[in-house]
Protein backbone atom coordinates (compact mmCIF):
# COMPACT_ATOMS: atom_id res chain seq x y z
CA MET A 1 -6.98 -65.32 22.34
CA MET A 2 -8.08 -61.83 22.55
CA THR A 3 -8.26 -61.03 26.66
CA PRO A 4 -11.48 -59.80 27.94
CA ASN A 5 -9.22 -56.77 29.87
CA PHE A 6 -7.82 -56.06 26.27
CA LYS A 7 -10.97 -55.71 24.48
CA LYS A 8 -13.08 -53.59 27.26
CA LYS A 9 -9.74 -51.19 26.59
CA ASN A 10 -10.41 -51.15 22.99
CA VAL A 11 -13.84 -50.17 23.20
CA SER A 12 -12.60 -48.08 26.04
CA LEU A 13 -9.96 -46.33 23.55
CA ASN A 14 -12.36 -46.38 20.20
CA ARG A 15 -15.73 -44.29 22.45
CA THR A 16 -12.28 -41.84 23.44
CA SER A 17 -11.45 -41.40 19.30
CA PHE A 18 -15.17 -41.49 18.65
CA LYS A 19 -15.57 -38.09 20.87
CA GLN A 20 -12.73 -36.56 20.12
CA ILE A 21 -13.85 -36.72 16.18
CA ILE A 22 -17.69 -35.28 17.92
CA ILE A 23 -15.71 -32.29 19.84
CA ALA A 24 -13.79 -31.81 16.67
CA CYS A 25 -16.53 -31.75 14.03
CA LEU A 26 -18.55 -29.22 16.89
CA THR A 27 -15.20 -26.93 17.01
CA GLY A 28 -15.51 -26.04 13.39
CA TYR A 29 -18.61 -25.89 13.14
CA LEU A 30 -18.62 -23.24 15.59
CA PHE A 31 -15.64 -21.69 14.02
CA ILE A 32 -16.69 -21.62 10.04
CA MET A 33 -20.87 -20.08 11.52
CA PHE A 34 -17.77 -17.46 13.81
CA LEU A 35 -16.49 -16.49 10.49
CA ILE A 36 -19.93 -16.37 8.46
CA ALA A 37 -20.63 -13.75 10.97
CA VAL A 38 -17.77 -11.62 10.80
CA LEU A 39 -17.71 -11.60 7.17
CA THR A 40 -21.42 -10.85 7.26
CA SER A 41 -21.37 -8.23 9.40
CA VAL A 42 -17.96 -6.03 9.19
CA GLU A 43 -18.21 -3.02 6.49
CA GLN A 44 -17.02 -5.43 3.02
CA ASP A 45 -16.29 -2.28 1.34
CA LYS A 46 -13.46 -1.95 3.52
CA TYR A 47 -12.18 -5.60 4.14
CA PHE A 48 -13.05 -7.29 0.88
CA SER A 49 -13.33 -4.91 -2.40
CA SER A 50 -11.60 -6.04 -5.18
CA ARG A 51 -9.40 -3.60 -4.96
CA ASN A 52 -8.54 -4.39 -1.57
CA LEU A 53 -8.16 -7.77 -2.22
CA HIS A 54 -6.38 -7.38 -5.29
CA ALA A 55 -3.57 -5.40 -3.72
CA TRP A 56 -3.72 -7.55 -1.05
CA SER A 57 -3.32 -10.72 -3.17
CA SER A 58 -0.59 -9.10 -5.59
CA HIS A 59 1.89 -8.26 -2.65
CA VAL A 60 1.14 -12.00 -1.32
CA GLN A 61 2.39 -13.22 -4.30
CA ASN A 62 5.11 -11.19 -4.81
CA GLU A 63 5.79 -11.74 -1.01
CA LEU A 64 5.23 -15.65 -1.54
CA LEU A 65 7.31 -15.62 -4.56
CA ALA A 66 10.63 -14.20 -2.90
CA ALA A 67 10.26 -16.84 -0.49
CA PHE A 68 10.51 -19.18 -2.95
CA PHE A 69 13.67 -17.29 -4.61
CA ILE A 70 15.52 -17.59 -1.23
CA TYR A 71 14.30 -20.62 -0.40
CA GLU A 72 15.69 -22.29 -3.94
CA ASN A 73 18.70 -20.21 -3.56
CA ARG A 74 20.04 -18.44 -0.69
CA TYR A 75 22.08 -16.52 -2.80
CA PHE A 76 19.18 -14.23 -2.98
CA LEU A 77 19.30 -12.61 0.11
CA ASN A 78 22.00 -10.84 -0.97
CA ALA A 79 20.18 -9.83 -3.76
CA ASP A 80 18.68 -5.39 -2.79
CA GLU A 81 15.56 -6.39 -4.40
CA ILE A 82 13.94 -9.07 -2.65
CA THR A 83 14.09 -9.25 1.50
CA ASN A 84 12.06 -12.26 3.16
CA PRO A 85 8.93 -12.39 3.43
CA ALA A 86 7.79 -11.69 7.33
CA VAL A 87 4.25 -13.53 7.67
CA SER A 88 2.91 -11.73 10.56
CA SER A 89 3.02 -7.84 8.63
CA MET A 90 1.32 -9.80 5.94
CA VAL A 91 -1.49 -10.81 8.55
CA PHE A 92 -1.28 -7.77 9.87
CA GLU A 93 -1.63 -5.15 6.95
CA PHE A 94 -4.93 -7.42 6.24
CA VAL A 95 -6.48 -7.35 9.41
CA THR A 96 -5.98 -4.08 10.03
CA ARG A 97 -5.43 -2.23 6.47
CA LEU A 98 -2.23 -0.56 7.68
CA ASP A 99 1.23 -0.37 5.75
CA ILE A 100 3.75 1.22 7.62
CA LYS A 101 5.30 2.07 4.47
CA ASP A 102 2.67 4.56 3.38
CA PRO A 103 1.45 6.66 6.27
CA ARG A 104 -1.87 7.40 4.20
CA THR A 105 -3.17 4.43 5.51
CA LEU A 106 -3.01 5.29 9.12
CA LEU A 107 -3.49 9.11 8.20
CA GLY A 108 -6.86 8.08 6.02
CA ARG A 109 -8.92 6.79 9.13
CA GLU A 110 -8.36 9.16 11.16
CA LEU A 111 -8.42 12.77 9.28
CA PRO A 112 -12.00 13.57 7.93
CA GLY A 113 -12.02 14.13 4.41
CA PHE A 114 -7.85 12.39 3.96
CA ALA A 115 -9.69 9.61 1.76
CA SER A 116 -10.36 11.59 -1.06
CA PHE A 117 -6.56 11.21 -2.27
CA ASP A 118 -5.88 7.51 -1.40
CA GLY A 119 -5.40 7.42 -4.71
CA LYS A 120 -2.98 5.58 -6.91
CA ILE A 121 -0.60 6.85 -9.99
CA ILE A 122 -0.30 4.47 -12.30
CA VAL A 123 0.92 6.70 -14.67
CA ALA A 124 2.41 9.86 -13.84
CA GLY A 125 2.38 12.79 -16.09
CA ASP A 126 4.33 15.75 -16.32
CA GLY A 127 4.46 17.46 -12.45
CA THR A 128 1.85 14.93 -10.56
CA ASP A 129 1.86 13.28 -7.41
CA PHE A 130 -0.32 13.17 -4.47
CA THR A 131 0.10 16.96 -3.69
CA ASN A 132 -2.27 17.66 -7.32
CA MET A 133 -4.19 14.60 -6.96
CA PRO A 134 -8.06 15.50 -8.55
CA VAL A 135 -10.11 16.02 -6.34
CA GLU A 136 -14.41 15.29 -5.92
CA SER A 137 -15.50 18.75 -3.74
CA ALA A 138 -18.48 20.15 -3.96
CA PRO A 139 -20.70 22.98 -1.58
CA PRO A 140 -23.84 21.77 0.33
CA MET A 141 -26.53 21.31 -2.14
CA GLU A 142 -28.84 24.26 -1.20
CA VAL A 143 -25.74 26.26 -2.45
CA LEU A 144 -25.39 24.01 -5.56
CA MET A 145 -28.45 24.85 -6.80
CA GLU A 146 -28.51 28.65 -6.08
CA GLU A 147 -29.06 30.61 -9.30
CA ARG A 148 -25.84 32.04 -11.01
CA GLU A 149 -24.79 34.16 -13.76
CA ALA A 150 -22.73 33.52 -16.47
CA THR A 151 -21.46 35.72 -19.63
CA SER A 152 -24.50 36.44 -22.26
CA LYS A 153 -22.18 34.86 -24.88
CA ARG A 154 -21.78 31.46 -23.10
CA LEU A 155 -25.83 31.75 -22.29
CA GLU A 156 -26.36 32.07 -26.00
CA ILE A 157 -23.79 28.98 -26.68
CA ALA A 158 -25.38 27.30 -24.16
CA GLU A 159 -29.22 28.03 -25.16
CA LYS A 160 -27.81 26.70 -29.52
CA THR A 161 -26.42 23.44 -28.24
CA GLU A 162 -29.61 22.67 -26.06
CA ASP A 163 -31.61 23.20 -29.74
CA SER A 164 -28.42 21.09 -31.70
CA PRO A 165 -29.83 17.45 -33.23
CA ASN A 166 -28.34 14.47 -31.92
CA GLN A 167 -27.10 11.23 -33.64
CA GLU A 168 -30.23 9.73 -32.84
CA ALA A 169 -33.29 11.52 -33.34
CA ALA A 170 -31.02 11.24 -37.40
CA GLY A 171 -31.49 7.72 -36.81
CA GLU A 172 -27.89 6.60 -36.27
CA ASN A 173 -26.78 4.10 -33.22
CA PRO A 174 -24.62 5.67 -31.82
CA ILE A 175 -20.72 3.33 -30.74
CA ALA A 176 -20.11 6.51 -28.23
CA HIS A 177 -21.76 7.55 -24.97
CA ILE A 178 -21.46 10.58 -23.17
CA ILE A 179 -22.24 11.76 -19.38
CA HIS A 180 -20.96 14.37 -17.05
CA SER A 181 -22.16 12.67 -13.32
CA HIS A 182 -21.57 15.67 -12.00
CA SER A 183 -23.22 17.56 -14.67
CA ARG A 184 -22.79 21.10 -13.11
CA GLU A 185 -19.54 21.06 -12.93
CA SER A 186 -18.54 24.86 -14.40
CA TYR A 187 -15.37 26.66 -14.96
CA LEU A 188 -15.17 30.40 -13.32
CA PRO A 189 -13.40 32.60 -16.05
CA GLU A 190 -17.06 31.83 -17.75
CA LEU A 191 -19.03 32.91 -14.68
CA GLU A 192 -19.74 36.48 -13.16
CA GLU A 193 -16.90 37.95 -11.69
CA GLY A 194 -16.15 37.92 -7.86
CA THR A 195 -18.14 34.30 -7.99
CA ASP A 196 -16.50 31.45 -6.02
CA VAL A 197 -18.45 28.66 -6.96
CA ALA A 198 -17.89 27.04 -9.89
CA PHE A 199 -21.07 25.27 -10.62
CA HIS A 200 -23.55 26.28 -13.18
CA PRO A 201 -27.08 25.02 -14.96
CA GLU A 202 -26.23 26.30 -18.36
CA VAL A 203 -22.85 26.85 -18.95
CA ASN A 204 -21.24 23.93 -17.84
CA ILE A 205 -18.48 20.71 -18.41
CA THR A 206 -22.07 19.35 -21.02
CA LEU A 207 -21.02 22.31 -23.29
CA VAL A 208 -17.19 20.27 -23.17
CA GLY A 209 -19.31 17.38 -23.64
CA ASP A 210 -20.50 18.48 -26.75
CA ARG A 211 -18.09 19.43 -28.54
CA LEU A 212 -15.79 16.12 -27.83
CA GLY A 213 -19.20 14.27 -29.94
CA GLN A 214 -18.83 16.56 -32.62
CA GLU A 215 -15.36 16.04 -32.86
CA LEU A 216 -15.74 12.60 -32.52
CA GLU A 217 -18.29 12.94 -35.34
CA LYS A 218 -16.38 14.42 -37.27
CA ARG A 219 -13.62 11.47 -37.61
CA GLY A 220 -16.69 8.92 -37.96
CA ILE A 221 -17.11 7.89 -35.08
CA SER A 222 -21.44 8.51 -33.81
CA THR A 223 -21.45 9.41 -30.82
CA LYS A 224 -24.97 10.48 -28.48
CA VAL A 225 -23.96 13.33 -25.36
CA ASN A 226 -26.12 13.13 -22.60
CA LYS A 227 -26.85 16.08 -20.46
CA THR A 228 -29.63 15.35 -18.14
CA ASP A 229 -28.62 17.46 -15.29
CA ILE A 230 -28.15 15.23 -12.33
CA GLU A 231 -27.75 17.69 -9.76
CA GLN A 232 -31.26 18.53 -10.54
CA LYS A 233 -31.83 15.09 -10.24
CA LEU A 234 -29.70 14.34 -6.67
CA HIS A 235 -31.98 17.65 -6.23
CA GLU A 236 -35.25 16.33 -6.84
CA ASN A 237 -34.42 12.59 -4.72
CA GLY A 238 -33.40 14.47 -1.17
CA TRP A 239 -30.51 12.64 -1.88
CA ASP A 240 -26.23 13.96 -1.65
CA PHE A 241 -23.30 14.96 -3.83
CA PRO A 242 -21.97 11.39 -3.62
CA GLN A 243 -24.57 9.70 -5.40
CA SER A 244 -24.43 11.30 -8.45
CA TYR A 245 -22.90 8.08 -9.56
CA ASP A 246 -26.25 6.83 -8.50
CA VAL A 247 -28.25 8.85 -10.54
CA SER A 248 -25.67 8.83 -13.74
CA ARG A 249 -25.69 4.95 -13.67
CA GLU A 250 -29.43 5.00 -14.19
CA VAL A 251 -28.38 7.72 -16.88
CA LEU A 252 -25.93 4.84 -18.58
CA GLN A 253 -28.84 1.28 -18.16
CA GLU A 254 -31.31 2.83 -19.82
CA ALA A 255 -28.80 4.18 -22.46
CA ILE A 256 -26.57 0.73 -22.73
CA SER A 257 -30.62 -1.87 -23.25
CA GLN A 258 -31.73 1.11 -25.88
CA ASN A 259 -28.62 0.74 -28.35
CA GLU A 260 -26.47 -2.82 -27.94
CA GLU A 261 -24.10 -1.14 -30.37
CA LEU A 262 -23.01 1.23 -27.49
CA GLU A 263 -18.75 0.37 -27.42
CA LEU A 264 -17.13 3.10 -25.95
CA PHE A 265 -18.27 5.53 -22.49
CA PHE A 266 -16.70 8.32 -21.29
CA ASP A 267 -17.52 10.23 -18.72
CA LEU A 268 -16.56 13.95 -18.08
CA HIS A 269 -15.73 15.79 -15.42
CA ARG A 270 -13.54 18.94 -14.30
CA ASP A 271 -10.86 19.13 -11.48
CA SER A 272 -10.74 21.31 -8.69
CA GLN A 273 -7.24 21.82 -8.72
CA THR A 274 -5.70 25.64 -9.62
CA ARG A 275 -4.37 26.44 -13.47
CA ASP A 276 -0.87 26.54 -13.01
CA VAL A 277 -1.71 22.43 -12.46
CA THR A 278 -4.37 22.18 -14.75
CA THR A 279 -2.52 23.62 -17.69
CA VAL A 280 -0.47 23.77 -20.36
CA THR A 281 1.22 25.05 -23.54
CA ILE A 282 1.84 23.73 -26.47
CA ASN A 283 2.57 25.07 -29.69
CA GLY A 284 2.09 28.76 -28.33
CA GLU A 285 -1.97 27.28 -27.58
CA THR A 286 -2.59 27.09 -23.79
CA LEU A 287 -4.37 24.00 -23.58
CA ALA A 288 -6.66 22.31 -20.01
CA ARG A 289 -4.54 19.38 -19.13
CA THR A 290 -6.51 15.84 -18.78
CA MET A 291 -6.23 13.52 -16.17
CA PHE A 292 -8.18 10.25 -16.44
CA VAL A 293 -9.34 8.34 -13.18
CA ILE A 294 -10.13 4.91 -13.43
CA GLY A 295 -12.14 3.08 -10.16
CA GLU A 296 -10.57 -0.40 -8.55
CA ASN A 297 -14.28 -1.78 -6.87
CA ASN A 298 -14.57 -3.11 -10.00
CA PRO A 299 -13.37 -6.94 -10.81
CA ASP A 300 -12.50 -6.31 -13.92
CA TYR A 301 -10.85 -2.73 -13.92
CA GLU A 302 -7.71 -3.88 -15.80
CA LYS A 303 -9.63 -3.53 -18.55
CA ASN A 304 -10.53 0.09 -18.25
CA LEU A 305 -6.90 1.10 -17.21
CA GLU A 306 -5.86 -0.67 -20.25
CA MET A 307 -7.66 1.82 -22.51
CA ALA A 308 -6.88 4.19 -20.21
CA THR A 309 -3.49 3.81 -20.37
CA GLU A 310 -3.22 3.76 -23.89
CA LEU A 311 -5.38 7.34 -24.47
CA HIS A 312 -2.38 8.74 -22.58
CA ASN A 313 -0.01 6.66 -23.95
CA LYS A 314 -1.01 8.22 -27.01
CA LEU A 315 -1.15 11.82 -25.83
CA GLU A 316 1.74 11.79 -24.39
CA GLU A 317 3.36 10.72 -27.32
CA ASN A 318 1.76 13.36 -29.51
CA TYR A 319 1.63 16.51 -27.33
CA PRO A 320 3.92 15.97 -24.45
CA GLY A 321 2.53 17.59 -20.81
CA LEU A 322 -0.76 17.36 -22.50
CA SER A 323 -2.01 14.40 -19.99
CA ARG A 324 -1.48 14.81 -16.41
CA GLY A 325 -2.02 10.75 -16.07
CA VAL A 326 -4.02 7.97 -14.91
CA ILE A 327 -4.74 7.22 -11.41
CA THR A 328 -6.56 4.62 -9.68
CA LYS A 329 -9.08 5.35 -7.09
CA GLY A 330 -10.81 2.55 -4.64
CA GLY A 331 -11.65 1.02 -1.39
CA GLY A 332 -13.63 2.98 1.11
CA GLY A 333 -14.37 6.83 1.01
CA SER A 334 -14.53 7.17 -2.70
CA ASN A 335 -16.67 5.21 -4.83
CA GLY A 336 -14.50 3.57 -6.34
CA ARG A 337 -16.30 2.25 -9.50
CA TYR A 338 -17.64 5.47 -11.20
CA ASN A 339 -20.14 2.89 -13.01
CA GLN A 340 -17.16 1.79 -15.26
CA ASP A 341 -17.77 -1.97 -14.28
CA LEU A 342 -20.82 -1.62 -16.95
CA SER A 343 -18.25 -1.97 -19.76
CA LYS A 344 -14.80 -2.67 -20.46
CA ASN A 345 -14.42 0.14 -22.16
CA SER A 346 -15.34 2.87 -19.95
CA VAL A 347 -13.31 5.85 -18.34
CA LEU A 348 -13.39 9.05 -16.02
CA VAL A 349 -11.59 11.83 -17.89
CA GLU A 350 -10.97 15.18 -15.84
CA MET A 351 -10.33 17.60 -18.60
CA GLY A 352 -9.01 21.06 -17.09
CA GLY A 353 -9.84 22.80 -13.58
CA MET A 354 -12.24 25.59 -12.48
CA GLU A 355 -9.53 28.20 -13.28
CA ASN A 356 -9.45 26.69 -17.25
CA ASN A 357 -11.86 28.78 -20.21
CA LEU A 358 -13.86 26.97 -22.26
CA GLU A 359 -12.09 27.53 -25.31
CA GLU A 360 -9.43 25.89 -23.49
CA THR A 361 -10.99 22.96 -22.85
CA TYR A 362 -12.45 22.96 -26.25
CA ARG A 363 -8.66 23.25 -28.12
CA THR A 364 -8.34 20.00 -25.82
CA THR A 365 -11.37 18.28 -26.99
CA GLU A 366 -10.42 18.19 -30.55
CA ILE A 367 -7.40 16.34 -29.43
CA LEU A 368 -8.70 14.01 -27.13
CA ALA A 369 -11.23 12.79 -29.87
CA GLU A 370 -8.24 12.34 -32.09
CA VAL A 371 -6.60 9.79 -30.37
CA ILE A 372 -10.09 8.42 -29.03
CA SER A 373 -10.59 7.51 -33.03
CA GLU A 374 -7.88 6.45 -33.38
CA GLN A 375 -7.12 4.09 -30.46
CA TYR A 376 -10.87 2.45 -31.65
CA PHE A 377 -9.67 2.25 -35.57
CA GLU A 378 -6.56 0.71 -34.93
CA ALA A 379 -8.69 -2.09 -32.86
CA GLU A 380 -11.07 -2.27 -35.60
CA SER A 381 -8.26 -3.32 -37.50
CA VAL A 382 -7.04 -5.93 -35.37
CA GLU A 383 -9.88 -7.20 -34.85
CA GLY A 384 -11.07 -7.24 -38.59
CA GLU A 385 -7.68 -9.21 -39.16
CA GLU A 386 -8.50 -12.18 -36.72
């Protein structure tokens, strides 16, 4: 028979356990509230962007896979490719965003503007390295909007292309769309001698977009070339140059809403690198080199990356050296999206640099249109077989 004293001890133990459960629940609740406060107050772009999470999770997966190999077979400790994972370093990298193996992660936070170079070279073309990555650079808006002279010949060409009919006017539904988020980017050889700012309201990258559209049309791809003056829109809105993609996003969204048949999207730019980096000679002709840029701040950026990589490979196969490669950008200090989240078939293409001339870029558009159409119709045939 149970004694009263034992009953009292049992009740006392139950009360103690109940208190411990209550304290544990309150502690857990407070921790969750603290975690929510942290997640909603920090800069998500720096810590929780798709790019950072993808990179970190990929690193963790590799580390954990190595750990499993080592746990099952100690022989892997002697392999040069596999190292024993350090959990402390993984946590440190996630919390601080600093990778001791990559000094750029520290310099990018300490040096103003250094984040512009924080890209990843996915496929390196001939001569491409971290010293000649594409750079988005522009003068202050008041300088950007100043009037500049261009050669009379180029101005005549620009006026003619403004009056040229587009595919929508002819009643067709384009499947390709070309835009220029930095629409006034120009080429110094086309401007008045002595000009040191490669921007112009008429003689600019939109002429290259026109030519690419024409070349795609010749190859059976109906194309809409949008030549909205993005910089003028920025000026009217009182916005800064980095907000160019906000303006072009509105243009793209409107185009998509008006035409559901659009499948291919190209945002053409002009690089700020020098002529020796952006020019190649093939079969005795000088051409402006391309580079494909993909934003990682897009959960499905791998699809865009696949398209860009295939275009690079096709260029490299038939015209070695024409493509400078494929890079990705993301995280803090960069747009890192470039509106590519609107379509899996969207890429940003650098068409030459500020010291190239339009003739060199025109030659490149013919070749680029060739590989784009080849890629598109190959994909169409595969889908048709399925």
